[in-house]
């Protein structure tokens, strides 16, 4: 008599998902100082696993590749923390306040106010990748992906202004995104700070430049 064989069910539970998320956060937190100290190319997945107290296979299972892990580390720095990086961008406090603001000039000022902190937190990581990109194709791909994500996010800022009827009439959303992308770039921030500008002076300039170039 043939017996029915029940298919093996994949074990999954909220507790197991929470454990996996906690492990991912621990890996990101362990990886950040290693990337800062040794650069992207000089940081190994084995070193990250050792610092996080897990096996290398867990790091790969959690992120798939070093490039993906580095992206998560940068996103955590941009967001101001690993847990905040897990929130949808539009729900993060500073961005949510900017979206809710009805005065376009205030929206631009609120966006500009986020940039000094972002450059301070993520700048060291981004500089390491930017400088290594010319020597390593994998690093170059990481840099290109990060810049593409940044451009997409900043184009959404221009799109928000357009949706409120505040974007200059002669400016498309795409061109508006280009302007935000260039003016708020790490390269521009570095040029000003190398000349001795304070973060407050840079923020005031960025507010003025974005208002002038984007708003009606």
N, C-alpha and C. Protein backbone atom coordinates (compact mmCIF):
# COMPACT_ATOMS: atom_id res chain seq x y z
N UNK A 1 0.84 -1.19 0.00
CA UNK A 1 0.00 0.00 0.00
C UNK A 1 0.87 1.23 0.00
N UNK A 2 0.59 2.11 -0.97
CA UNK A 2 1.41 3.30 -1.12
C UNK A 2 1.06 4.32 -0.04
N UNK A 3 2.09 4.84 0.61
CA UNK A 3 1.87 5.84 1.64
C UNK A 3 2.03 7.24 1.05
N UNK A 4 1.16 8.14 1.53
CA UNK A 4 1.30 9.53 1.13
C UNK A 4 2.49 10.16 1.85
N UNK A 5 3.30 10.83 1.11
CA UNK A 5 4.44 11.52 1.69
C UNK A 5 4.16 13.01 1.67
N UNK A 6 4.14 13.61 2.85
CA UNK A 6 3.87 15.05 2.93
C UNK A 6 5.11 15.82 2.51
N UNK A 7 4.93 16.86 1.68
CA UNK A 7 6.09 17.66 1.31
C UNK A 7 6.67 18.37 2.53
N UNK A 8 7.98 18.43 2.56
CA UNK A 8 8.64 19.09 3.68
C UNK A 8 8.41 20.60 3.60
N UNK A 9 7.87 21.15 4.67
CA UNK A 9 7.60 22.58 4.70
C UNK A 9 8.82 23.35 5.17
N UNK A 10 9.08 24.43 4.49
CA UNK A 10 10.19 25.28 4.90
C UNK A 10 9.81 25.96 6.22
N UNK A 11 10.67 25.78 7.21
CA UNK A 11 10.38 26.36 8.51
C UNK A 11 10.63 27.86 8.46
N UNK A 12 9.64 28.64 8.83
CA UNK A 12 9.77 30.09 8.85
C UNK A 12 8.87 30.60 9.97
N UNK A 13 9.28 31.68 10.59
CA UNK A 13 8.49 32.24 11.67
C UNK A 13 8.92 33.68 11.88
N UNK A 14 8.04 34.49 12.49
CA UNK A 14 8.44 35.86 12.80
C UNK A 14 9.71 35.92 13.64
N UNK A 15 9.83 34.98 14.59
CA UNK A 15 11.02 34.97 15.44
C UNK A 15 12.28 34.72 14.62
N UNK A 16 12.19 33.80 13.67
CA UNK A 16 13.36 33.50 12.84
C UNK A 16 13.70 34.69 11.95
N UNK A 17 12.69 35.37 11.43
CA UNK A 17 12.96 36.56 10.61
C UNK A 17 13.58 37.67 11.44
N UNK A 18 13.12 37.80 12.67
CA UNK A 18 13.70 38.81 13.55
C UNK A 18 15.16 38.49 13.86
N UNK A 19 15.44 37.21 14.05
CA UNK A 19 16.83 36.81 14.29
C UNK A 19 17.71 37.13 13.09
N UNK A 20 17.20 36.86 11.88
CA UNK A 20 17.96 37.13 10.67
C UNK A 20 18.21 38.63 10.52
N UNK A 21 17.19 39.44 10.83
CA UNK A 21 17.34 40.89 10.73
C UNK A 21 18.37 41.39 11.74
N UNK A 22 18.32 40.84 12.95
CA UNK A 22 19.28 41.24 13.99
C UNK A 22 20.70 40.86 13.57
N UNK A 23 20.86 39.70 12.97
CA UNK A 23 22.17 39.28 12.50
C UNK A 23 22.67 40.22 11.41
N UNK A 24 21.78 40.60 10.49
CA UNK A 24 22.15 41.53 9.43
C UNK A 24 22.62 42.86 9.99
N UNK A 25 21.92 43.36 11.01
CA UNK A 25 22.32 44.63 11.63
C UNK A 25 23.70 44.50 12.26
N UNK A 26 23.93 43.38 12.93
CA UNK A 26 25.22 43.16 13.60
C UNK A 26 26.35 43.12 12.57
N UNK A 27 26.10 42.52 11.42
CA UNK A 27 27.12 42.45 10.37
C UNK A 27 27.42 43.84 9.81
N UNK A 28 26.38 44.62 9.57
CA UNK A 28 26.57 45.98 9.05
C UNK A 28 27.38 46.82 10.04
N UNK A 29 27.02 46.72 11.31
CA UNK A 29 27.72 47.50 12.34
C UNK A 29 29.18 47.08 12.46
N UNK A 30 29.45 45.79 12.28
CA UNK A 30 30.83 45.31 12.34
C UNK A 30 31.62 45.70 11.10
N UNK A 31 30.94 45.76 9.96
CA UNK A 31 31.63 46.04 8.70
C UNK A 31 32.04 47.49 8.56
N UNK A 32 31.25 48.41 9.11
CA UNK A 32 31.53 49.83 8.87
C UNK A 32 32.93 50.25 9.30
N UNK A 33 33.38 49.99 10.53
CA UNK A 33 34.73 50.42 10.90
C UNK A 33 35.83 49.73 10.09
N UNK A 34 35.57 48.51 9.64
CA UNK A 34 36.56 47.82 8.82
C UNK A 34 36.69 48.48 7.45
N UNK A 35 35.57 48.82 6.84
CA UNK A 35 35.63 49.52 5.56
C UNK A 35 36.32 50.88 5.71
N UNK A 36 36.06 51.56 6.81
CA UNK A 36 36.68 52.86 7.04
C UNK A 36 38.19 52.73 7.22
N UNK A 37 38.61 51.69 7.92
CA UNK A 37 40.04 51.54 8.21
C UNK A 37 40.82 50.98 7.03
N UNK A 38 40.23 49.99 6.35
CA UNK A 38 40.99 49.26 5.33
C UNK A 38 40.54 49.56 3.89
N UNK A 39 39.47 50.33 3.73
CA UNK A 39 38.95 50.57 2.40
C UNK A 39 38.11 49.41 1.90
N UNK A 40 37.48 49.60 0.75
CA UNK A 40 36.61 48.55 0.22
C UNK A 40 37.42 47.32 -0.19
N UNK A 41 38.46 47.53 -1.00
CA UNK A 41 39.23 46.40 -1.51
C UNK A 41 39.99 45.68 -0.40
N UNK A 42 40.42 46.42 0.61
CA UNK A 42 41.23 45.83 1.67
C UNK A 42 40.44 45.14 2.77
N UNK A 43 39.13 45.20 2.72
CA UNK A 43 38.29 44.56 3.73
C UNK A 43 37.77 43.23 3.19
N UNK A 44 38.03 42.16 3.90
CA UNK A 44 37.59 40.83 3.46
C UNK A 44 36.31 40.42 4.16
N UNK A 45 35.57 39.56 3.52
CA UNK A 45 34.35 39.04 4.13
C UNK A 45 34.70 38.21 5.37
N UNK A 46 35.86 37.56 5.37
CA UNK A 46 36.28 36.79 6.54
C UNK A 46 36.51 37.72 7.73
N UNK A 47 37.13 38.87 7.47
CA UNK A 47 37.37 39.82 8.56
C UNK A 47 36.05 40.36 9.11
N UNK A 48 35.11 40.63 8.22
CA UNK A 48 33.80 41.11 8.66
C UNK A 48 33.09 40.05 9.49
N UNK A 49 33.14 38.81 9.03
CA UNK A 49 32.50 37.72 9.77
C UNK A 49 33.11 37.59 11.16
N UNK A 50 34.44 37.68 11.25
CA UNK A 50 35.10 37.57 12.54
C UNK A 50 34.69 38.70 13.48
N UNK A 51 34.62 39.92 12.96
CA UNK A 51 34.24 41.06 13.79
C UNK A 51 32.79 40.96 14.25
N UNK A 52 31.94 40.35 13.41
CA UNK A 52 30.52 40.22 13.75
C UNK A 52 30.23 38.99 14.60
N UNK A 53 31.22 38.09 14.71
CA UNK A 53 31.01 36.87 15.49
C UNK A 53 30.15 35.84 14.79
N UNK A 54 30.25 35.81 13.45
CA UNK A 54 29.49 34.83 12.67
C UNK A 54 30.44 34.15 11.69
N UNK A 55 29.96 33.13 11.01
CA UNK A 55 30.78 32.48 9.98
C UNK A 55 30.59 33.22 8.66
N UNK A 56 31.55 33.03 7.77
CA UNK A 56 31.53 33.74 6.49
C UNK A 56 30.25 33.43 5.72
N UNK A 57 29.80 32.16 5.79
CA UNK A 57 28.60 31.77 5.05
C UNK A 57 27.39 32.60 5.49
N UNK A 58 27.35 32.99 6.76
CA UNK A 58 26.23 33.81 7.25
C UNK A 58 26.27 35.19 6.61
N UNK A 59 27.45 35.75 6.43
CA UNK A 59 27.57 37.06 5.80
C UNK A 59 27.06 36.99 4.36
N UNK A 60 27.48 35.94 3.64
CA UNK A 60 27.03 35.80 2.25
C UNK A 60 25.53 35.51 2.19
N UNK A 61 25.03 34.71 3.12
CA UNK A 61 23.60 34.40 3.12
C UNK A 61 22.78 35.67 3.41
N UNK A 62 23.31 36.54 4.24
CA UNK A 62 22.59 37.75 4.61
C UNK A 62 22.61 38.81 3.51
N UNK A 63 23.74 38.92 2.76
CA UNK A 63 23.88 40.03 1.82
C UNK A 63 24.22 39.61 0.39
N UNK A 64 24.70 38.41 0.20
CA UNK A 64 24.96 37.93 -1.15
C UNK A 64 26.34 38.24 -1.67
N UNK A 65 26.84 39.45 -1.43
CA UNK A 65 28.14 39.85 -1.94
C UNK A 65 28.70 40.98 -1.08
N UNK A 66 29.99 41.22 -1.23
CA UNK A 66 30.61 42.33 -0.50
C UNK A 66 30.06 43.66 -0.99
N UNK A 67 29.79 43.76 -2.29
CA UNK A 67 29.25 45.00 -2.83
C UNK A 67 27.89 45.32 -2.21
N UNK A 68 27.04 44.30 -2.08
CA UNK A 68 25.72 44.52 -1.48
C UNK A 68 25.84 44.90 -0.01
N UNK A 69 26.78 44.27 0.69
CA UNK A 69 27.00 44.60 2.09
C UNK A 69 27.50 46.03 2.22
N UNK A 70 28.42 46.42 1.36
CA UNK A 70 28.92 47.80 1.42
C UNK A 70 27.79 48.79 1.18
N UNK A 71 26.91 48.46 0.23
CA UNK A 71 25.75 49.33 -0.01
C UNK A 71 24.91 49.49 1.24
N UNK A 72 24.73 48.39 2.00
CA UNK A 72 23.96 48.46 3.23
C UNK A 72 24.67 49.31 4.28
N UNK A 73 25.99 49.23 4.32
CA UNK A 73 26.77 50.04 5.27
C UNK A 73 26.63 51.52 4.93
N UNK A 74 26.73 51.84 3.65
CA UNK A 74 26.59 53.24 3.23
C UNK A 74 25.18 53.74 3.52
N UNK A 75 24.18 52.91 3.24
CA UNK A 75 22.79 53.31 3.49
C UNK A 75 22.56 53.59 4.97
N UNK A 76 23.18 52.77 5.83
CA UNK A 76 23.06 53.01 7.27
C UNK A 76 23.70 54.33 7.66
N UNK A 77 24.84 54.63 7.05
CA UNK A 77 25.50 55.91 7.33
C UNK A 77 24.67 57.08 6.83
N UNK A 78 24.10 56.94 5.65
CA UNK A 78 23.26 58.00 5.08
C UNK A 78 22.02 58.24 5.94
N UNK A 79 21.43 57.15 6.43
CA UNK A 79 20.18 57.25 7.18
C UNK A 79 20.39 57.67 8.62
N UNK A 80 21.62 57.50 9.13
CA UNK A 80 21.86 57.83 10.53
C UNK A 80 21.70 56.66 11.46
N UNK A 81 21.87 55.45 10.96
CA UNK A 81 21.77 54.27 11.82
C UNK A 81 21.21 53.08 11.08
N UNK A 82 21.56 51.88 11.54
CA UNK A 82 21.14 50.66 10.86
C UNK A 82 19.62 50.50 10.89
N UNK A 83 19.01 50.71 12.02
CA UNK A 83 17.56 50.51 12.13
C UNK A 83 16.81 51.56 11.32
N UNK A 84 17.30 52.79 11.32
CA UNK A 84 16.63 53.83 10.53
C UNK A 84 16.74 53.53 9.04
N UNK A 85 17.83 52.89 8.63
CA UNK A 85 18.00 52.55 7.21
C UNK A 85 16.96 51.54 6.74
N UNK A 86 16.37 50.79 7.69
CA UNK A 86 15.36 49.80 7.33
C UNK A 86 13.99 50.44 7.09
N UNK A 87 13.84 51.69 7.49
CA UNK A 87 12.57 52.39 7.25
C UNK A 87 12.50 52.86 5.80
N UNK A 88 11.31 52.91 5.19
CA UNK A 88 11.18 53.56 3.89
C UNK A 88 11.71 55.00 3.97
N UNK A 89 12.39 55.45 2.93
CA UNK A 89 13.03 56.77 2.97
C UNK A 89 12.04 57.85 3.33
N UNK A 90 10.83 57.79 2.76
CA UNK A 90 9.85 58.85 2.99
C UNK A 90 9.31 58.87 4.42
N UNK A 91 9.59 57.81 5.19
CA UNK A 91 9.13 57.77 6.58
C UNK A 91 10.20 58.21 7.57
N UNK A 92 11.41 58.43 7.11
CA UNK A 92 12.45 58.91 8.00
C UNK A 92 12.12 60.34 8.42
N UNK A 93 12.32 60.68 9.69
CA UNK A 93 11.77 61.93 10.23
C UNK A 93 12.06 63.18 9.41
N UNK A 94 13.32 63.42 9.05
CA UNK A 94 13.65 64.65 8.33
C UNK A 94 12.99 64.70 6.96
N UNK A 95 12.94 63.55 6.27
CA UNK A 95 12.33 63.51 4.94
C UNK A 95 10.82 63.63 5.05
N UNK A 96 10.23 62.98 6.04
CA UNK A 96 8.78 63.07 6.24
C UNK A 96 8.36 64.51 6.52
N UNK A 97 9.16 65.23 7.31
CA UNK A 97 8.85 66.63 7.59
C UNK A 97 8.95 67.47 6.33
N UNK A 98 9.96 67.20 5.51
CA UNK A 98 10.12 67.96 4.27
C UNK A 98 8.95 67.72 3.33
N UNK A 99 8.52 66.47 3.22
CA UNK A 99 7.40 66.15 2.34
C UNK A 99 6.12 66.82 2.82
N UNK A 100 5.94 66.88 4.13
CA UNK A 100 4.72 67.47 4.69
C UNK A 100 4.70 68.99 4.60
N UNK A 101 5.87 69.61 4.47
CA UNK A 101 5.95 71.07 4.40
C UNK A 101 5.26 71.59 3.13
N UNK A 102 4.46 72.62 3.26
CA UNK A 102 3.71 73.15 2.12
C UNK A 102 4.39 74.34 1.45
N UNK A 103 5.36 74.95 2.12
CA UNK A 103 6.08 76.10 1.55
C UNK A 103 7.30 75.60 0.79
N UNK A 104 7.37 75.77 -0.54
CA UNK A 104 8.50 75.24 -1.32
C UNK A 104 9.85 75.78 -0.86
N UNK A 105 9.93 77.03 -0.48
CA UNK A 105 11.20 77.59 -0.01
C UNK A 105 11.65 76.88 1.26
N UNK A 106 10.70 76.61 2.14
CA UNK A 106 11.03 75.87 3.35
C UNK A 106 11.43 74.44 3.03
N UNK A 107 10.78 73.83 2.05
CA UNK A 107 11.15 72.47 1.66
C UNK A 107 12.61 72.41 1.21
N UNK A 108 13.00 73.38 0.39
CA UNK A 108 14.38 73.41 -0.10
C UNK A 108 15.35 73.60 1.07
N UNK A 109 15.01 74.50 1.99
CA UNK A 109 15.87 74.74 3.14
C UNK A 109 15.98 73.50 4.02
N UNK A 110 14.87 72.79 4.17
CA UNK A 110 14.89 71.58 4.99
C UNK A 110 15.72 70.48 4.34
N UNK A 111 15.64 70.38 3.00
CA UNK A 111 16.48 69.42 2.30
C UNK A 111 17.95 69.78 2.47
N UNK A 112 18.30 71.03 2.27
CA UNK A 112 19.69 71.47 2.40
C UNK A 112 20.22 71.19 3.81
N UNK A 113 19.35 71.30 4.81
CA UNK A 113 19.77 71.08 6.19
C UNK A 113 20.18 69.63 6.46
N UNK A 114 19.71 68.69 5.63
CA UNK A 114 20.06 67.28 5.83
C UNK A 114 21.46 66.95 5.30
N UNK A 115 21.98 67.78 4.41
CA UNK A 115 23.19 67.40 3.67
C UNK A 115 24.49 67.43 4.47
N UNK A 116 24.76 68.44 5.31
CA UNK A 116 26.02 68.39 6.06
C UNK A 116 26.16 67.13 6.91
N UNK A 117 25.09 66.71 7.57
CA UNK A 117 25.15 65.51 8.39
C UNK A 117 25.38 64.26 7.55
N UNK A 118 24.74 64.20 6.40
CA UNK A 118 24.93 63.05 5.50
C UNK A 118 26.38 62.97 5.05
N UNK A 119 26.94 64.10 4.63
CA UNK A 119 28.34 64.10 4.17
C UNK A 119 29.30 63.75 5.31
N UNK A 120 28.99 64.19 6.50
CA UNK A 120 29.85 63.89 7.64
C UNK A 120 29.82 62.40 7.96
N UNK A 121 28.62 61.79 7.92
CA UNK A 121 28.49 60.38 8.28
C UNK A 121 28.98 59.45 7.18
N UNK A 122 28.57 59.71 5.96
CA UNK A 122 28.86 58.78 4.86
C UNK A 122 30.08 59.17 4.04
N UNK A 123 30.55 60.41 4.19
CA UNK A 123 31.66 60.88 3.38
C UNK A 123 32.89 60.00 3.41
N UNK A 124 33.37 59.58 4.58
CA UNK A 124 34.58 58.75 4.59
C UNK A 124 34.43 57.45 3.81
N UNK A 125 33.27 56.82 3.90
CA UNK A 125 33.02 55.58 3.14
C UNK A 125 32.99 55.86 1.65
N UNK A 126 32.28 56.92 1.27
CA UNK A 126 32.13 57.23 -0.15
C UNK A 126 33.45 57.65 -0.78
N UNK A 127 34.27 58.38 -0.04
CA UNK A 127 35.58 58.77 -0.57
C UNK A 127 36.45 57.55 -0.81
N UNK A 128 36.37 56.58 0.10
CA UNK A 128 37.18 55.37 -0.05
C UNK A 128 36.81 54.62 -1.33
N UNK A 129 35.50 54.54 -1.61
CA UNK A 129 35.07 53.84 -2.83
C UNK A 129 35.38 54.66 -4.08
N UNK A 130 35.12 55.95 -4.01
CA UNK A 130 35.40 56.82 -5.16
C UNK A 130 36.87 56.75 -5.56
N UNK A 131 37.75 56.78 -4.58
CA UNK A 131 39.18 56.79 -4.87
C UNK A 131 39.67 55.43 -5.40
N UNK A 132 39.00 54.34 -4.97
CA UNK A 132 39.42 53.01 -5.42
C UNK A 132 38.76 52.60 -6.73
N UNK A 133 37.75 53.35 -7.16
CA UNK A 133 36.98 52.95 -8.34
C UNK A 133 37.82 52.89 -9.61
N UNK A 134 38.82 53.75 -9.70
CA UNK A 134 39.65 53.77 -10.91
C UNK A 134 40.54 52.54 -11.03
N UNK A 135 40.73 51.82 -9.94
CA UNK A 135 41.65 50.69 -9.94
C UNK A 135 40.96 49.34 -9.92
N UNK A 136 39.68 49.30 -9.57
CA UNK A 136 39.00 48.02 -9.38
C UNK A 136 37.62 48.09 -10.03
N UNK A 137 37.35 47.25 -11.05
CA UNK A 137 36.05 47.29 -11.73
C UNK A 137 34.87 47.03 -10.79
N UNK A 138 35.05 46.12 -9.81
CA UNK A 138 33.96 45.84 -8.88
C UNK A 138 33.64 47.08 -8.05
N UNK A 139 34.69 47.76 -7.59
CA UNK A 139 34.50 48.98 -6.82
C UNK A 139 33.85 50.06 -7.69
N UNK A 140 34.25 50.13 -8.95
CA UNK A 140 33.65 51.10 -9.87
C UNK A 140 32.15 50.86 -10.01
N UNK A 141 31.74 49.60 -10.08
CA UNK A 141 30.32 49.28 -10.17
C UNK A 141 29.58 49.71 -8.91
N UNK A 142 30.21 49.49 -7.75
CA UNK A 142 29.59 49.91 -6.49
C UNK A 142 29.39 51.42 -6.49
N UNK A 143 30.42 52.15 -6.91
CA UNK A 143 30.33 53.62 -6.94
C UNK A 143 29.22 54.08 -7.90
N UNK A 144 29.16 53.46 -9.06
CA UNK A 144 28.13 53.84 -10.04
C UNK A 144 26.73 53.56 -9.51
N UNK A 145 26.56 52.43 -8.83
CA UNK A 145 25.25 52.11 -8.27
C UNK A 145 24.85 53.10 -7.18
N UNK A 146 25.80 53.47 -6.33
CA UNK A 146 25.51 54.42 -5.26
C UNK A 146 25.13 55.78 -5.84
N UNK A 147 25.85 56.21 -6.87
CA UNK A 147 25.55 57.50 -7.49
C UNK A 147 24.20 57.46 -8.21
N UNK A 148 23.88 56.32 -8.83
CA UNK A 148 22.57 56.19 -9.49
C UNK A 148 21.44 56.26 -8.47
N UNK A 149 21.64 55.63 -7.32
CA UNK A 149 20.62 55.69 -6.25
C UNK A 149 20.47 57.12 -5.74
N UNK A 150 21.61 57.81 -5.58
CA UNK A 150 21.55 59.19 -5.10
C UNK A 150 20.83 60.08 -6.11
N UNK A 151 21.13 59.89 -7.39
CA UNK A 151 20.47 60.69 -8.42
C UNK A 151 18.97 60.43 -8.43
N UNK A 152 18.58 59.17 -8.29
CA UNK A 152 17.15 58.85 -8.28
C UNK A 152 16.46 59.52 -7.10
N UNK A 153 17.08 59.48 -5.93
CA UNK A 153 16.48 60.11 -4.76
C UNK A 153 16.38 61.61 -4.91
N UNK A 154 17.39 62.22 -5.50
CA UNK A 154 17.37 63.68 -5.62
C UNK A 154 16.47 64.14 -6.76
N UNK A 155 16.25 63.26 -7.72
CA UNK A 155 15.25 63.58 -8.73
C UNK A 155 13.85 63.59 -8.12
N UNK A 156 13.64 62.75 -7.11
CA UNK A 156 12.35 62.77 -6.41
C UNK A 156 12.13 64.10 -5.68
N UNK A 157 13.20 64.73 -5.22
CA UNK A 157 13.07 66.05 -4.61
C UNK A 157 12.56 67.05 -5.64
N UNK A 158 13.14 67.02 -6.84
CA UNK A 158 12.66 67.90 -7.91
C UNK A 158 11.23 67.56 -8.28
N UNK A 159 10.90 66.28 -8.30
CA UNK A 159 9.54 65.87 -8.62
C UNK A 159 8.54 66.35 -7.58
N UNK A 160 8.95 66.36 -6.32
CA UNK A 160 8.07 66.86 -5.26
C UNK A 160 7.77 68.34 -5.48
N UNK A 161 8.81 69.12 -5.82
CA UNK A 161 8.59 70.54 -6.09
C UNK A 161 7.70 70.73 -7.31
N UNK A 162 7.89 69.90 -8.33
CA UNK A 162 7.06 70.01 -9.53
C UNK A 162 5.61 69.70 -9.21
N UNK A 163 5.38 68.70 -8.36
CA UNK A 163 4.01 68.31 -8.02
C UNK A 163 3.28 69.42 -7.25
N UNK A 164 4.03 70.31 -6.64
CA UNK A 164 3.45 71.44 -5.91
C UNK A 164 3.39 72.69 -6.78
N UNK A 165 3.79 72.56 -8.04
CA UNK A 165 3.79 73.72 -8.94
C UNK A 165 4.88 74.72 -8.63
N UNK A 166 5.96 74.27 -7.96
CA UNK A 166 7.00 75.20 -7.52
C UNK A 166 8.27 75.13 -8.35
N UNK A 167 8.41 74.09 -9.21
CA UNK A 167 9.62 73.97 -10.02
C UNK A 167 9.58 74.98 -11.15
N UNK A 168 10.73 75.54 -11.48
CA UNK A 168 10.80 76.51 -12.58
C UNK A 168 10.14 75.95 -13.83
N UNK A 169 9.42 76.81 -14.53
CA UNK A 169 8.66 76.37 -15.71
C UNK A 169 9.57 75.86 -16.82
N UNK A 170 10.77 76.40 -16.92
CA UNK A 170 11.68 75.99 -17.99
C UNK A 170 12.55 74.80 -17.61
N UNK A 171 12.22 74.16 -16.48
CA UNK A 171 13.06 73.09 -15.97
C UNK A 171 12.25 71.80 -15.86
N UNK A 172 12.75 70.73 -16.50
CA UNK A 172 12.09 69.44 -16.36
C UNK A 172 12.48 68.82 -15.01
N UNK A 173 11.72 67.82 -14.60
CA UNK A 173 12.03 67.13 -13.35
C UNK A 173 13.41 66.48 -13.46
N UNK A 174 13.71 65.89 -14.62
CA UNK A 174 15.00 65.23 -14.81
C UNK A 174 16.15 66.23 -14.67
N UNK A 175 16.03 67.39 -15.31
CA UNK A 175 17.08 68.40 -15.20
C UNK A 175 17.14 68.96 -13.79
N UNK A 176 16.00 69.10 -13.17
CA UNK A 176 15.99 69.54 -11.78
C UNK A 176 16.73 68.56 -10.88
N UNK A 177 16.50 67.25 -11.12
CA UNK A 177 17.23 66.23 -10.37
C UNK A 177 18.73 66.32 -10.60
N UNK A 178 19.13 66.62 -11.85
CA UNK A 178 20.55 66.79 -12.15
C UNK A 178 21.16 67.92 -11.30
N UNK A 179 20.42 69.01 -11.19
CA UNK A 179 20.92 70.15 -10.42
C UNK A 179 21.08 69.80 -8.94
N UNK A 180 20.08 69.12 -8.38
CA UNK A 180 20.17 68.73 -6.97
C UNK A 180 21.34 67.77 -6.78
N UNK A 181 21.49 66.84 -7.70
CA UNK A 181 22.55 65.83 -7.64
C UNK A 181 23.93 66.48 -7.64
N UNK A 182 24.13 67.47 -8.49
CA UNK A 182 25.44 68.12 -8.58
C UNK A 182 25.68 69.05 -7.38
N UNK A 183 24.71 69.91 -7.10
CA UNK A 183 24.92 70.93 -6.07
C UNK A 183 25.10 70.33 -4.68
N UNK A 184 24.43 69.21 -4.40
CA UNK A 184 24.53 68.61 -3.07
C UNK A 184 25.50 67.43 -3.04
N UNK A 185 26.36 67.32 -4.04
CA UNK A 185 27.29 66.19 -4.11
C UNK A 185 28.39 66.31 -3.06
N UNK A 186 28.96 65.17 -2.73
CA UNK A 186 30.10 65.13 -1.81
C UNK A 186 31.27 65.91 -2.38
N UNK A 187 31.47 65.86 -3.68
CA UNK A 187 32.58 66.58 -4.30
C UNK A 187 32.48 68.08 -4.05
N UNK A 188 31.29 68.64 -4.20
CA UNK A 188 31.11 70.07 -3.96
C UNK A 188 31.31 70.39 -2.48
N UNK A 189 30.74 69.55 -1.61
CA UNK A 189 30.92 69.75 -0.17
C UNK A 189 32.41 69.74 0.18
N UNK A 190 33.16 68.79 -0.37
CA UNK A 190 34.59 68.69 -0.07
C UNK A 190 35.34 69.93 -0.55
N UNK A 191 34.99 70.44 -1.71
CA UNK A 191 35.66 71.65 -2.21
C UNK A 191 35.46 72.82 -1.26
N UNK A 192 34.25 73.00 -0.79
CA UNK A 192 33.98 74.11 0.12
C UNK A 192 34.70 73.92 1.46
N UNK A 193 34.63 72.72 2.03
CA UNK A 193 35.24 72.51 3.34
C UNK A 193 36.76 72.57 3.25
N UNK A 194 37.34 72.17 2.11
CA UNK A 194 38.78 72.30 1.92
C UNK A 194 39.21 73.77 1.90
N UNK A 195 38.29 74.64 1.50
CA UNK A 195 38.56 76.07 1.51
C UNK A 195 38.26 76.70 2.87
N UNK A 196 37.87 75.88 3.84
CA UNK A 196 37.66 76.38 5.18
C UNK A 196 36.23 76.75 5.53
N UNK A 197 35.29 76.43 4.62
CA UNK A 197 33.89 76.72 4.93
C UNK A 197 33.41 75.81 6.05
N UNK A 198 32.59 76.35 6.93
CA UNK A 198 31.98 75.54 7.98
C UNK A 198 30.75 74.82 7.41
N UNK A 199 30.28 73.76 8.07
CA UNK A 199 29.05 73.11 7.62
C UNK A 199 27.87 74.08 7.54
N UNK A 200 27.81 75.03 8.47
CA UNK A 200 26.71 76.01 8.46
C UNK A 200 26.79 76.92 7.24
N UNK A 201 28.00 77.31 6.87
CA UNK A 201 28.16 78.16 5.68
C UNK A 201 27.81 77.38 4.41
N UNK A 202 28.23 76.11 4.37
CA UNK A 202 27.88 75.27 3.22
C UNK A 202 26.37 75.11 3.11
N UNK A 203 25.71 74.87 4.23
CA UNK A 203 24.25 74.69 4.22
C UNK A 203 23.55 75.95 3.73
N UNK A 204 24.01 77.11 4.19
CA UNK A 204 23.40 78.37 3.75
C UNK A 204 23.59 78.57 2.26
N UNK A 205 24.79 78.25 1.76
CA UNK A 205 25.03 78.38 0.31
C UNK A 205 24.13 77.41 -0.46
N UNK A 206 24.05 76.16 0.00
CA UNK A 206 23.25 75.16 -0.72
C UNK A 206 21.78 75.56 -0.75
N UNK A 207 21.28 76.08 0.34
CA UNK A 207 19.89 76.55 0.36
C UNK A 207 19.68 77.63 -0.68
N UNK A 208 20.59 78.59 -0.74
CA UNK A 208 20.48 79.69 -1.69
C UNK A 208 20.59 79.19 -3.13
N UNK A 209 21.57 78.30 -3.39
CA UNK A 209 21.78 77.81 -4.75
C UNK A 209 20.60 76.99 -5.25
N UNK A 210 20.08 76.11 -4.41
CA UNK A 210 18.94 75.29 -4.82
C UNK A 210 17.70 76.15 -5.03
N UNK A 211 17.48 77.11 -4.16
CA UNK A 211 16.32 77.99 -4.30
C UNK A 211 16.40 78.77 -5.60
N UNK A 212 17.57 79.29 -5.88
CA UNK A 212 17.76 80.09 -7.10
C UNK A 212 17.57 79.25 -8.37
N UNK A 213 18.11 78.02 -8.37
CA UNK A 213 18.13 77.23 -9.59
C UNK A 213 16.88 76.38 -9.79
N UNK A 214 16.11 76.12 -8.71
CA UNK A 214 14.97 75.22 -8.83
C UNK A 214 13.61 75.92 -8.78
N UNK A 215 13.49 76.93 -7.96
CA UNK A 215 12.16 77.48 -7.67
C UNK A 215 11.76 78.58 -8.64
N UNK A 216 10.44 78.66 -8.85
CA UNK A 216 9.92 79.73 -9.70
C UNK A 216 10.19 81.07 -9.06
